[in-house]
C-alpha atoms as a PDB file:
ATOM      1  CA  MET A   1       0.463   6.705  11.037  1.00  0.00           C
ATOM      2  CA  GLY A   2      -2.618   5.688   9.776  1.00  0.00           C
ATOM      3  CA  VAL A   3      -5.905   5.331  11.886  1.00  0.00           C
ATOM      4  CA  LYS A   4      -5.772   2.065  14.401  1.00  0.00           C
ATOM      5  CA  LEU A   5      -8.355  -0.731  13.308  1.00  0.00           C
ATOM      6  CA  ALA A   6      -9.846  -0.743  17.194  1.00  0.00           C
ATOM      7  CA  ARG A   7     -10.451   2.637  16.604  1.00  0.00           C
ATOM      8  CA  ALA A   8     -11.992   2.149  13.371  1.00  0.00           C
ATOM      9  CA  LEU A   9     -14.089  -0.245  14.479  1.00  0.00           C
ATOM     10  CA  GLN A  10     -15.417   1.785  17.178  1.00  0.00           C
ATOM     11  CA  ASN A  11     -15.923   4.740  14.942  1.00  0.00           C
ATOM     12  CA  ASN A  12     -18.285   2.903  12.887  1.00  0.00           C
ATOM     13  CA  GLY A  13     -20.564   0.886  15.716  1.00  0.00           C
ATOM     14  CA  TYR A  14     -18.337  -2.351  16.355  1.00  0.00           C
ATOM     15  CA  GLY A  15     -18.565  -3.543  19.917  1.00  0.00           C
ATOM     16  CA  TYR A  16     -15.144  -5.444  19.353  1.00  0.00           C
ATOM     17  CA  ASN A  17     -11.577  -4.018  18.869  1.00  0.00           C
ATOM     18  CA  ASN A  18     -10.361  -6.980  17.454  1.00  0.00           C
ATOM     19  CA  ILE A  19     -11.179  -9.322  14.389  1.00  0.00           C
ATOM     20  CA  PRO A  20     -11.296 -12.640  15.340  1.00  0.00           C
ATOM     21  CA  MET A  21     -11.304 -15.524  12.179  1.00  0.00           C
ATOM     22  CA  ASN A  22     -12.175 -19.065  11.798  1.00  0.00           C
ATOM     23  CA  ILE A  23      -8.791 -20.367  10.155  1.00  0.00           C
ATOM     24  CA  PRO A  24      -8.288 -23.737   9.172  1.00  0.00           C
ATOM     25  CA  PHE A  25      -4.886 -25.298  10.876  1.00  0.00           C
ATOM     26  CA  CYS A  26      -3.664 -25.991   7.565  1.00  0.00           C
ATOM     27  CA  GLN A  27      -3.594 -22.077   6.881  1.00  0.00           C
ATOM     28  CA  LYS A  28      -2.030 -20.694   9.747  1.00  0.00           C
ATOM     29  CA  ASP A  29       1.431 -19.742   8.299  1.00  0.00           C
ATOM     30  CA  PHE A  30      -0.240 -17.674   6.008  1.00  0.00           C
ATOM     31  CA  VAL A  31      -2.351 -15.685   8.059  1.00  0.00           C
ATOM     32  CA  LYS A  32       0.400 -15.400  10.235  1.00  0.00           C
ATOM     33  CA  SER A  33       2.659 -13.930   7.542  1.00  0.00           C
ATOM     34  CA  GLN A  34      -0.371 -11.459   6.939  1.00  0.00           C
ATOM     35  CA  GLY A  35       0.247  -9.866  10.739  1.00  0.00           C
ATOM     36  CA  ALA A  36      -2.439 -11.972  12.121  1.00  0.00           C
ATOM     37  CA  ARG A  37      -2.067 -13.338  15.693  1.00  0.00           C
ATOM     38  CA  TRP A  38      -3.005 -16.699  18.059  1.00  0.00           C
ATOM     39  CA  ASN A  39      -5.413 -15.695  20.790  1.00  0.00           C
ATOM     40  CA  PHE A  40      -4.829 -18.071  23.469  1.00  0.00           C
ATOM     41  CA  LYS A  41      -7.673 -17.285  25.489  1.00  0.00           C
ATOM     42  CA  ASP A  42     -10.208 -17.603  22.555  1.00  0.00           C
ATOM     43  CA  LYS A  43      -8.115 -19.983  20.597  1.00  0.00           C
ATOM     44  CA  THR A  44      -8.840 -18.827  17.461  1.00  0.00           C
ATOM     45  CA  TRP A  45      -6.893 -16.473  15.277  1.00  0.00           C
ATOM     46  CA  GLU A  46      -7.150 -12.732  15.344  1.00  0.00           C
ATOM     47  CA  LEU A  47      -5.889  -9.053  13.608  1.00  0.00           C
ATOM     48  CA  SER A  48      -5.022  -6.915  16.736  1.00  0.00           C
ATOM     49  CA  GLY A  49      -6.553  -3.915  17.468  1.00  0.00           C
ATOM     50  CA  GLU A  50      -3.453  -2.409  17.379  1.00  0.00           C
ATOM     51  CA  MET A  51      -2.741  -3.040  13.722  1.00  0.00           C
ATOM     52  CA  GLU A  52      -3.059  -0.054  11.277  1.00  0.00           C
ATOM     53  CA  PHE A  53      -6.958  -0.258   9.405  1.00  0.00           C
ATOM     54  CA  GLU A  54      -5.858  -0.434   6.379  1.00  0.00           C
ATOM     55  CA  THR A  55      -3.001  -2.848   6.761  1.00  0.00           C
ATOM     56  CA  ALA A  56      -5.859  -4.997   8.241  1.00  0.00           C
ATOM     57  CA  LYS A  57      -8.138  -4.506   5.251  1.00  0.00           C
ATOM     58  CA  ILE A  58      -5.057  -5.455   3.089  1.00  0.00           C
ATOM     59  CA  ALA A  59      -4.765  -8.418   5.145  1.00  0.00           C
ATOM     60  CA  ILE A  60      -8.328  -9.452   5.061  1.00  0.00           C
ATOM     61  CA  ARG A  61      -8.227  -9.217   1.219  1.00  0.00           C
ATOM     62  CA  ALA A  62      -4.997 -11.571   0.692  1.00  0.00           C
ATOM     63  CA  ILE A  63      -5.973 -14.085   3.095  1.00  0.00           C
ATOM     64  CA  CYS A  64      -9.661 -14.171   1.331  1.00  0.00           C
ATOM     65  CA  GLU A  65      -7.923 -14.415  -1.870  1.00  0.00           C
ATOM     66  CA  HIS A  66      -5.331 -17.221  -0.548  1.00  0.00           C
ATOM     67  CA  MET A  67      -8.124 -19.439   0.934  1.00  0.00           C
ATOM     68  CA  LYS A  68     -10.477 -18.489  -2.557  1.00  0.00           C
ATOM     69  CA  CYS A  69     -13.483 -17.593   0.025  1.00  0.00           C
ATOM     70  CA  LYS A  70     -15.509 -14.808   0.977  1.00  0.00           C
ATOM     71  CA  PRO A  71     -15.039 -12.676   4.514  1.00  0.00           C
ATOM     72  CA  GLU A  72     -18.399 -14.194   5.801  1.00  0.00           C
ATOM     73  CA  GLU A  73     -17.073 -17.621   5.390  1.00  0.00           C
ATOM     74  CA  ILE A  74     -14.152 -16.821   7.787  1.00  0.00           C
ATOM     75  CA  GLY A  75     -16.221 -15.042  10.503  1.00  0.00           C
ATOM     76  CA  ILE A  76     -15.524 -11.609   9.218  1.00  0.00           C
ATOM     77  CA  ASP A  77     -18.028  -8.651   8.334  1.00  0.00           C
ATOM     78  CA  SER A  78     -17.791  -7.786   4.511  1.00  0.00           C
ATOM     79  CA  LYS A  79     -18.781  -4.447   5.611  1.00  0.00           C
ATOM     80  CA  ILE A  80     -15.541  -3.880   7.487  1.00  0.00           C
ATOM     81  CA  LEU A  81     -13.709  -3.551   3.986  1.00  0.00           C
ATOM     82  CA  ASP A  82     -15.470  -0.877   2.574  1.00  0.00           C
ATOM     83  CA  MET A  83     -15.911   1.389   5.611  1.00  0.00           C
ATOM     84  CA  PRO A  84     -14.070   4.371   6.585  1.00  0.00           C
ATOM     85  CA  ALA A  85     -11.589   4.752   9.055  1.00  0.00           C
ATOM     86  CA  GLU A  86     -12.941   7.841  10.552  1.00  0.00           C
ATOM     87  CA  THR A  87     -16.241   9.780  10.590  1.00  0.00           C
ATOM     88  CA  LYS A  88     -17.081  12.079   7.911  1.00  0.00           C
ATOM     89  CA  GLU A  89     -16.205  15.604   9.891  1.00  0.00           C
ATOM     90  CA  ALA A  90     -12.790  14.213  10.875  1.00  0.00           C
ATOM     91  CA  ARG A  91     -11.823  13.360   7.510  1.00  0.00           C
ATOM     92  CA  GLU A  92     -13.357  16.887   6.269  1.00  0.00           C
ATOM     93  CA  ALA A  93     -10.979  18.453   9.064  1.00  0.00           C
ATOM     94  CA  ALA A  94      -7.699  17.089   7.238  1.00  0.00           C
ATOM     95  CA  ILE A  95      -8.884  17.411   3.968  1.00  0.00           C
ATOM     96  CA  LYS A  96      -9.166  21.220   4.966  1.00  0.00           C
ATOM     97  CA  ALA A  97      -5.692  21.309   6.746  1.00  0.00           C
ATOM     98  CA  ALA A  98      -4.152  19.479   3.372  1.00  0.00           C
ATOM     99  CA  ALA A  99      -6.218  21.914   1.293  1.00  0.00           C
ATOM    100  CA  THR A 100      -4.381  24.865   3.030  1.00  0.00           C
ATOM    101  CA  VAL A 101      -0.878  23.541   2.076  1.00  0.00           C
ATOM    102  CA  LEU A 102      -2.136  22.604  -1.287  1.00  0.00           C
ATOM    103  CA  PHE A 103      -3.202  26.078  -2.151  1.00  0.00           C
ATOM    104  CA  THR A 104      -0.400  28.164  -0.754  1.00  0.00           C
ATOM    105  CA  HIS A 105       2.768  25.640  -1.241  1.00  0.00           C
ATOM    106  CA  PRO A 106       1.571  23.235  -4.209  1.00  0.00           C
ATOM    107  CA  GLU A 107       5.258  22.403  -4.479  1.00  0.00           C
ATOM    108  CA  GLN A 108       4.703  20.664  -1.334  1.00  0.00           C
ATOM    109  CA  VAL A 109       2.215  17.719  -2.687  1.00  0.00           C
ATOM    110  CA  ILE A 110       2.905  14.901  -4.283  1.00  0.00           C
ATOM    111  CA  CYS A 111       0.847  11.741  -5.405  1.00  0.00           C
ATOM    112  CA  PHE A 112       2.451   8.694  -5.790  1.00  0.00           C
ATOM    113  CA  ASP A 113       2.157   4.891  -6.988  1.00  0.00           C
ATOM    114  CA  THR A 114       4.166   1.372  -6.354  1.00  0.00           C
ATOM    115  CA  GLU A 115       3.798  -1.892  -8.236  1.00  0.00           C
ATOM    116  CA  THR A 116       5.241  -4.536  -6.449  1.00  0.00           C
ATOM    117  CA  THR A 117       5.910  -8.341  -6.727  1.00  0.00           C
ATOM    118  CA  GLY A 118       3.521  -9.176  -4.013  1.00  0.00           C
ATOM    119  CA  PHE A 119       1.166  -8.568  -0.891  1.00  0.00           C
ATOM    120  CA  CYS A 120       4.143  -9.511   2.061  1.00  0.00           C
ATOM    121  CA  LYS A 121       6.249  -7.649   4.102  1.00  0.00           C
ATOM    122  CA  TRP A 122       9.611  -9.150   2.271  1.00  0.00           C
ATOM    123  CA  ASP A 123       8.086  -8.540  -1.396  1.00  0.00           C
ATOM    124  CA  GLU A 124       9.971  -5.653  -2.806  1.00  0.00           C
ATOM    125  CA  ILE A 125       9.027  -2.578  -5.010  1.00  0.00           C
ATOM    126  CA  LEU A 126       8.879  -3.059  -9.108  1.00  0.00           C
ATOM    127  CA  GLN A 127       8.011   0.474 -10.443  1.00  0.00           C
ATOM    128  CA  MET A 128       7.287   3.987  -8.763  1.00  0.00           C
ATOM    129  CA  SER A 129       6.010   7.275 -10.028  1.00  0.00           C
ATOM    130  CA  ILE A 130       5.773  10.421  -8.529  1.00  0.00           C
ATOM    131  CA  TYR A 131       3.646  13.387  -9.709  1.00  0.00           C
ATOM    132  CA  GLY A 132       3.276  17.247  -8.248  1.00  0.00           C
ATOM    133  CA  THR A 133       0.761  19.548  -9.150  1.00  0.00           C
ATOM    134  CA  ASN A 134       2.304  20.330 -12.352  1.00  0.00           C
ATOM    135  CA  GLY A 135       3.301  16.604 -13.503  1.00  0.00           C
ATOM    136  CA  PRO A 136       5.729  14.164 -13.380  1.00  0.00           C
ATOM    137  CA  ILE A 137       8.476  14.102 -10.806  1.00  0.00           C
ATOM    138  CA  TYR A 138       9.674  10.685 -11.312  1.00  0.00           C
ATOM    139  CA  ASN A 139       9.148   7.346 -12.817  1.00  0.00           C
ATOM    140  CA  SER A 140      11.492   4.362 -12.703  1.00  0.00           C
ATOM    141  CA  TYR A 141      11.436   0.582 -12.621  1.00  0.00           C
ATOM    142  CA  PHE A 142      13.572  -1.311  -9.738  1.00  0.00           C
ATOM    143  CA  LYS A 143      15.386  -4.745 -10.292  1.00  0.00           C
ATOM    144  CA  PRO A 144      14.593  -6.848  -6.812  1.00  0.00           C
ATOM    145  CA  GLU A 145      17.662  -7.493  -4.638  1.00  0.00           C
ATOM    146  CA  ARG A 146      15.793 -10.338  -2.969  1.00  0.00           C
ATOM    147  CA  ARG A 147      13.423 -11.767  -5.272  1.00  0.00           C
ATOM    148  CA  LYS A 148      14.716 -13.389  -8.542  1.00  0.00           C
ATOM    149  CA  THR A 149      11.342 -14.665  -9.891  1.00  0.00           C
ATOM    150  CA  TRP A 150       7.549 -13.164  -8.780  1.00  0.00           C
ATOM    151  CA  ARG A 151       5.493 -15.375 -10.997  1.00  0.00           C
ATOM    152  CA  GLY A 152       2.110 -14.720  -8.904  1.00  0.00           C
ATOM    153  CA  ALA A 153       2.519 -11.090  -9.522  1.00  0.00           C
ATOM    154  CA  GLU A 154       3.665 -11.198 -13.151  1.00  0.00           C
ATOM    155  CA  ALA A 155       0.710 -13.288 -14.190  1.00  0.00           C
ATOM    156  CA  VAL A 156      -1.072 -10.142 -13.256  1.00  0.00           C
ATOM    157  CA  ASN A 157       1.207  -7.316 -13.807  1.00  0.00           C
ATOM    158  CA  HIS A 158       3.276  -8.850 -16.700  1.00  0.00           C
ATOM    159  CA  ILE A 159       6.492  -7.277 -15.492  1.00  0.00           C
ATOM    160  CA  SER A 160       8.961  -9.927 -15.987  1.00  0.00           C
ATOM    161  CA  PRO A 161      12.823 -10.141 -14.430  1.00  0.00           C
ATOM    162  CA  GLU A 162      13.933  -9.590 -17.805  1.00  0.00           C
ATOM    163  CA  MET A 163      12.152  -6.257 -18.063  1.00  0.00           C
ATOM    164  CA  VAL A 164      13.836  -5.201 -14.948  1.00  0.00           C
ATOM    165  CA  ALA A 165      17.285  -6.443 -15.478  1.00  0.00           C
ATOM    166  CA  ASP A 166      18.658  -3.198 -16.342  1.00  0.00           C
ATOM    167  CA  SER A 167      16.875  -1.043 -14.058  1.00  0.00           C
ATOM    168  CA  PRO A 168      18.459   0.115 -10.896  1.00  0.00           C
ATOM    169  CA  SER A 169      17.853  -1.345  -7.527  1.00  0.00           C
ATOM    170  CA  PHE A 170      14.991   0.385  -5.059  1.00  0.00           C
ATOM    171  CA  SER A 171      18.278   0.984  -2.579  1.00  0.00           C
ATOM    172  CA  GLU A 172      19.946   2.985  -5.242  1.00  0.00           C
ATOM    173  CA  GLU A 173      17.471   5.445  -5.820  1.00  0.00           C
ATOM    174  CA  LYS A 174      16.249   5.570  -1.887  1.00  0.00           C
ATOM    175  CA  LYS A 175      18.349   8.387  -1.390  1.00  0.00           C
ATOM    176  CA  LYS A 176      16.989  10.554  -4.336  1.00  0.00           C
ATOM    177  CA  LEU A 177      13.380   9.561  -3.357  1.00  0.00           C
ATOM    178  CA  GLN A 178      13.848  10.375   0.602  1.00  0.00           C
ATOM    179  CA  GLU A 179      14.306  13.899  -0.527  1.00  0.00           C
ATOM    180  CA  ILE A 180      11.585  13.970  -2.750  1.00  0.00           C
ATOM    181  CA  PHE A 181       9.538  12.513   0.586  1.00  0.00           C
ATOM    182  CA  ASN A 182      10.994  14.743   2.896  1.00  0.00           C
ATOM    183  CA  ASN A 183      10.131  17.874   1.142  1.00  0.00           C
ATOM    184  CA  ALA A 184       5.968  17.090   0.828  1.00  0.00           C
ATOM    185  CA  ARG A 185       3.616  18.077   3.668  1.00  0.00           C
ATOM    186  CA  VAL A 186       0.552  16.494   1.611  1.00  0.00           C
ATOM    187  CA  ILE A 187       0.960  12.997   0.002  1.00  0.00           C
ATOM    188  CA  ILE A 188      -2.086  11.767  -1.930  1.00  0.00           C
ATOM    189  CA  GLY A 189      -2.515   8.328  -3.255  1.00  0.00           C
ATOM    190  CA  HIS A 190      -5.162   5.580  -4.240  1.00  0.00           C
ATOM    191  CA  ASN A 191      -5.273   3.173  -1.172  1.00  0.00           C
ATOM    192  CA  VAL A 192      -2.162   5.530  -0.279  1.00  0.00           C
ATOM    193  CA  ASP A 193      -1.633   3.372   2.956  1.00  0.00           C
ATOM    194  CA  PHE A 194      -0.718   0.229   1.092  1.00  0.00           C
ATOM    195  CA  ASP A 195       1.854   2.160  -0.776  1.00  0.00           C
ATOM    196  CA  ILE A 196       3.007   3.788   2.179  1.00  0.00           C
ATOM    197  CA  LYS A 197       3.528   0.297   3.706  1.00  0.00           C
ATOM    198  CA  LYS A 198       5.617  -0.715   0.876  1.00  0.00           C
ATOM    199  CA  ILE A 199       7.859   2.333   0.744  1.00  0.00           C
ATOM    200  CA  SER A 200       8.361   1.999   4.744  1.00  0.00           C
ATOM    201  CA  TRP A 201       8.935  -1.849   4.280  1.00  0.00           C
ATOM    202  CA  ASN A 202      12.033  -0.785   2.108  1.00  0.00           C
ATOM    203  CA  GLY A 203      13.388   1.713   4.130  1.00  0.00           C
ATOM    204  CA  LEU A 204      11.379   5.491   3.034  1.00  0.00           C
ATOM    205  CA  ARG A 205      10.534   7.096   5.720  1.00  0.00           C
ATOM    206  CA  VAL A 206       7.397   9.453   5.585  1.00  0.00           C
ATOM    207  CA  GLU A 207       7.055  11.774   8.466  1.00  0.00           C
ATOM    208  CA  ASN A 208       5.044  14.892   9.142  1.00  0.00           C
ATOM    209  CA  ALA A 209       3.044  14.595   6.250  1.00  0.00           C
ATOM    210  CA  ILE A 210      -0.632  14.866   5.897  1.00  0.00           C
ATOM    211  CA  ILE A 211      -1.966  11.609   3.707  1.00  0.00           C
ATOM    212  CA  LEU A 212      -4.748  11.812   1.608  1.00  0.00           C
ATOM    213  CA  ASP A 213      -6.483   8.866   0.311  1.00  0.00           C
ATOM    214  CA  THR A 214      -8.544   9.320  -2.769  1.00  0.00           C
ATOM    215  CA  LEU A 215     -10.241   5.893  -2.468  1.00  0.00           C
ATOM    216  CA  GLU A 216     -11.726   6.909   0.859  1.00  0.00           C
ATOM    217  CA  LEU A 217     -12.356  10.487   0.037  1.00  0.00           C
ATOM    218  CA  PHE A 218     -14.356   8.745  -2.930  1.00  0.00           C
ATOM    219  CA  LYS A 219     -16.178   6.401  -0.415  1.00  0.00           C
ATOM    220  CA  LEU A 220     -17.534   9.539   0.996  1.00  0.00           C
ATOM    221  CA  ASP A 221     -19.074  10.952  -2.429  1.00  0.00           C
ATOM    222  CA  LYS A 222     -20.140   7.030  -3.548  1.00  0.00           C
ATOM    223  CA  GLU A 223     -20.752   4.330  -0.610  1.00  0.00           C
ATOM    224  CA  ALA A 224     -21.875   1.653  -2.487  1.00  0.00           C
ATOM    225  CA  GLY A 225     -20.427  -0.248  -5.021  1.00  0.00           C
ATOM    226  CA  SER A 226     -16.800  -0.754  -6.240  1.00  0.00           C
ATOM    227  CA  HIS A 227     -14.059   1.868  -5.391  1.00  0.00           C
ATOM    228  CA  LYS A 228     -11.428   0.961  -7.775  1.00  0.00           C
ATOM    229  CA  LEU A 229      -9.100   4.111  -9.640  1.00  0.00           C
ATOM    230  CA  ILE A 230     -11.038   3.358 -13.006  1.00  0.00           C
ATOM    231  CA  ASP A 231     -14.371   3.695 -11.093  1.00  0.00           C
ATOM    232  CA  ALA A 232     -13.209   6.952  -9.664  1.00  0.00           C
ATOM    233  CA  ILE A 233     -11.835   8.078 -13.147  1.00  0.00           C
ATOM    234  CA  THR A 234     -15.479   7.090 -14.322  1.00  0.00           C
ATOM    235  CA  TYR A 235     -17.311   8.895 -11.560  1.00  0.00           C
ATOM    236  CA  TYR A 236     -15.400  12.071 -11.251  1.00  0.00           C
ATOM    237  CA  ARG A 237     -13.899  12.746 -14.746  1.00  0.00           C
ATOM    238  CA  PRO A 238     -15.552  10.240 -17.222  1.00  0.00           C
ATOM    239  CA  ASP A 239     -13.821  12.421 -20.107  1.00  0.00           C
ATOM    240  CA  LEU A 240     -10.804  10.656 -19.271  1.00  0.00           C
ATOM    241  CA  LEU A 241     -11.716   7.355 -19.105  1.00  0.00           C
ATOM    242  CA  GLU A 242     -10.562   6.339 -22.554  1.00  0.00           C
ATOM    243  CA  THR A 243      -7.384   7.884 -22.518  1.00  0.00           C
ATOM    244  CA  PHE A 244      -6.946   6.560 -18.642  1.00  0.00           C
ATOM    245  CA  SER A 245      -7.938   2.940 -19.780  1.00  0.00           C
ATOM    246  CA  ALA A 246      -5.308   2.677 -22.662  1.00  0.00           C
ATOM    247  CA  GLY A 247      -2.697   2.696 -19.982  1.00  0.00           C
ATOM    248  CA  ALA A 248      -4.230   1.539 -16.651  1.00  0.00           C
ATOM    249  CA  HIS A 249      -2.204  -0.337 -14.173  1.00  0.00           C
ATOM    250  CA  ASP A 250       0.846   1.242 -15.298  1.00  0.00           C
ATOM    251  CA  SER A 251       1.961   3.069 -11.968  1.00  0.00           C
ATOM    252  CA  ASN A 252       2.623   6.079 -14.382  1.00  0.00           C
ATOM    253  CA  THR A 253      -0.661   6.445 -15.663  1.00  0.00           C
ATOM    254  CA  ASP A 254      -2.559   5.407 -12.168  1.00  0.00           C
ATOM    255  CA  THR A 255      -0.750   8.770 -10.507  1.00  0.00           C
ATOM    256  CA  TRP A 256      -1.829  10.615 -13.358  1.00  0.00           C
ATOM    257  CA  GLY A 257      -5.058   9.364 -12.980  1.00  0.00           C
ATOM    258  CA  THR A 258      -5.192   9.804  -8.997  1.00  0.00           C
ATOM    259  CA  ILE A 259      -3.958  13.456  -9.101  1.00  0.00           C
ATOM    260  CA  GLU A 260      -7.000  14.320 -11.670  1.00  0.00           C
ATOM    261  CA  VAL A 261      -9.124  12.473  -9.286  1.00  0.00           C
ATOM    262  CA  PHE A 262      -8.098  14.417  -6.207  1.00  0.00           C
ATOM    263  CA  LYS A 263      -8.551  17.752  -8.289  1.00  0.00           C
ATOM    264  CA  ALA A 264     -12.388  16.848  -8.960  1.00  0.00           C
ATOM    265  CA  GLN A 265     -12.878  15.954  -5.340  1.00  0.00           C
ATOM    266  CA  MET A 266     -11.121  19.629  -4.113  1.00  0.00           C
ATOM    267  CA  GLU A 267     -13.804  20.891  -6.505  1.00  0.00           C
ATOM    268  CA  LYS A 268     -16.537  19.161  -4.115  1.00  0.00           C
ATOM    269  CA  TYR A 269     -14.750  20.237  -1.247  1.00  0.00           C
ATOM    270  CA  ARG A 270     -14.719  24.074  -2.401  1.00  0.00           C
ATOM    271  CA  ASP A 271     -17.083  24.757   0.681  1.00  0.00           C
ATOM    272  CA  LEU A 272     -14.492  23.655   2.864  1.00  0.00           C
ATOM    273  CA  VAL A 273     -12.066  26.536   1.746  1.00  0.00           C
ATOM    274  CA  ASN A 274     -12.979  29.949   3.682  1.00  0.00           C
ATOM    275  CA  ASP A 275      -9.911  32.245   2.832  1.00  0.00           C
ATOM    276  CA  SER A 276     -10.279  33.915  -0.417  1.00  0.00           C
ATOM    277  CA  LEU A 277      -6.741  33.594  -1.229  1.00  0.00           C
ATOM    278  CA  THR A 278      -7.292  29.891  -1.177  1.00  0.00           C
ATOM    279  CA  ALA A 279     -10.439  29.741  -2.784  1.00  0.00           C
ATOM    280  CA  GLN A 280      -8.553  31.482  -5.613  1.00  0.00           C
ATOM    281  CA  LYS A 281      -5.971  29.383  -6.037  1.00  0.00           C
ATOM    282  CA  LEU A 282      -8.570  26.165  -5.388  1.00  0.00           C
ATOM    283  CA  GLU A 283      -9.922  27.898  -8.564  1.00  0.00           C
ATOM    284  CA  GLU A 284      -6.843  27.723 -10.547  1.00  0.00           C
ATOM    285  CA  PHE A 285      -5.728  24.255  -9.604  1.00  0.00           C
ATOM    286  CA  VAL A 286      -9.141  22.516 -10.138  1.00  0.00           C
ATOM    287  CA  SER A 287      -9.357  24.585 -13.511  1.00  0.00           C
ATOM    288  CA  THR A 288      -6.137  23.008 -15.013  1.00  0.00           C
ATOM    289  CA  LYS A 289      -7.023  20.218 -16.850  1.00  0.00           C
ATOM    290  CA  GLU A 290      -3.741  17.994 -17.778  1.00  0.00           C
ATOM    291  CA  GLU A 291      -3.499  15.433 -20.484  1.00  0.00           C
ATOM    292  CA  ILE A 292      -1.603  12.308 -19.821  1.00  0.00           C
ATOM    293  CA  PRO A 293       1.921  12.942 -21.027  1.00  0.00           C
ATOM    294  CA  SER A 294       2.980  12.254 -24.250  1.00  0.00           C
ATOM    295  CA  ASP A 295       6.081   9.648 -24.806  1.00  0.00           C
ATOM    296  CA  GLU A 296       8.111  12.121 -25.566  1.00  0.00           C
ATOM    297  CA  GLU A 297       7.019  14.042 -22.688  1.00  0.00           C
ATOM    298  CA  GLN A 298       7.802  10.994 -20.419  1.00  0.00           C
ATOM    299  CA  GLU A 299      10.933  10.023 -22.406  1.00  0.00           C
ATOM    300  CA  ALA A 300      13.160  11.638 -19.826  1.00  0.00           C
ATOM    301  CA  ILE A 301      11.665  10.315 -16.740  1.00  0.00           C
ATOM    302  CA  LEU A 302      11.051   6.516 -18.139  1.00  0.00           C
ATOM    303  CA  SER A 303      13.936   4.166 -17.554  1.00  0.00           C
ATOM    304  CA  ASP A 304      11.917   1.967 -19.963  1.00  0.00           C
ATOM    305  CA  GLU A 305       9.687   2.984 -22.741  1.00  0.00           C
ATOM    306  CA  THR A 306       8.329  -0.280 -22.956  1.00  0.00           C
ATOM    307  CA  GLN A 307       5.000   0.112 -20.547  1.00  0.00           C
ATOM    308  CA  GLU A 308       3.154  -3.031 -19.879  1.00  0.00           C
ATOM    309  CA  GLU A 309      -0.014  -3.642 -17.768  1.00  0.00           C
ATOM    310  CA  GLU A 310       0.948  -3.544 -13.926  1.00  0.00           C
ATOM    311  CA  PHE A 311       0.196  -5.999 -11.331  1.00  0.00           C
ATOM    312  CA  ASP A 312      -3.122  -3.768  -9.518  1.00  0.00           C
ATOM    313  CA  VAL A 313      -2.427  -3.887  -5.886  1.00  0.00           C
ATOM    314  CA  GLU A 314      -4.837  -1.250  -4.689  1.00  0.00           C
ATOM    315  CA  PHE A 315      -8.189  -3.367  -4.779  1.00  0.00           C
ATOM    316  CA  LEU A 316      -9.007  -0.230  -6.230  1.00  0.00           C
END
């Protein structure tokens, strides 16, 4: 689905396909859980070039956070974490293809965000929010089926087992969610590959859709510095910063913020649109300045009206 690590390294001028790491023996179990493999020939742990690039970046960040070190301390160039997977030209072609769908069939465009119990494959989804171009489509908490506690994540996101005790399980909602994703031809998110990976691990299929990552598009416009969602809001829509900050790190608010960022990014890529009908629809789309739904407007889709700060897995 995503760009392979080897291809991303080649696109950015690196002379190797795998990423070797200097890992102490005592950390072998954790790095293995993040997808690293042992290279018997070189006698070192490495991230395989066959991994998806975004998955590899997630693994690097998780390993560094776990070991409380910088990438360079384990032999990794930290610039890899900020580099794009493909060239600007290739990404612009993908944007134009997605724009064609957006401006002719906006009902087939969705934006989503998840909050989870952690970074690993066996972690579960605690909340998912989905927006369409006209507003919210879905928002719910989920009661994990395997994890009873998630203390590390809870310390950050403040989602306790008690908060989701009466919520449906992800499995119970999977059929409904699968229908939403089946009807989508364009899927938007901020660091979206992570969220796609999480829903795939939890049984949802994402097939034959154009994937747009607002984080990667942000890097094209602003290469240096932080690329968190709040940074993107500040860069593209500073007028929404106060409203966004009031509810940041809740997946519903983050999804709304991502849609607004995406609208601004489409404005910047207006020159990619040549068709007159497409240009007209672009004007209509980006000129619609939605406000975050009120509590009353969200009531129909919220499984729990008590919204607390969520676990930010975007690295965003």
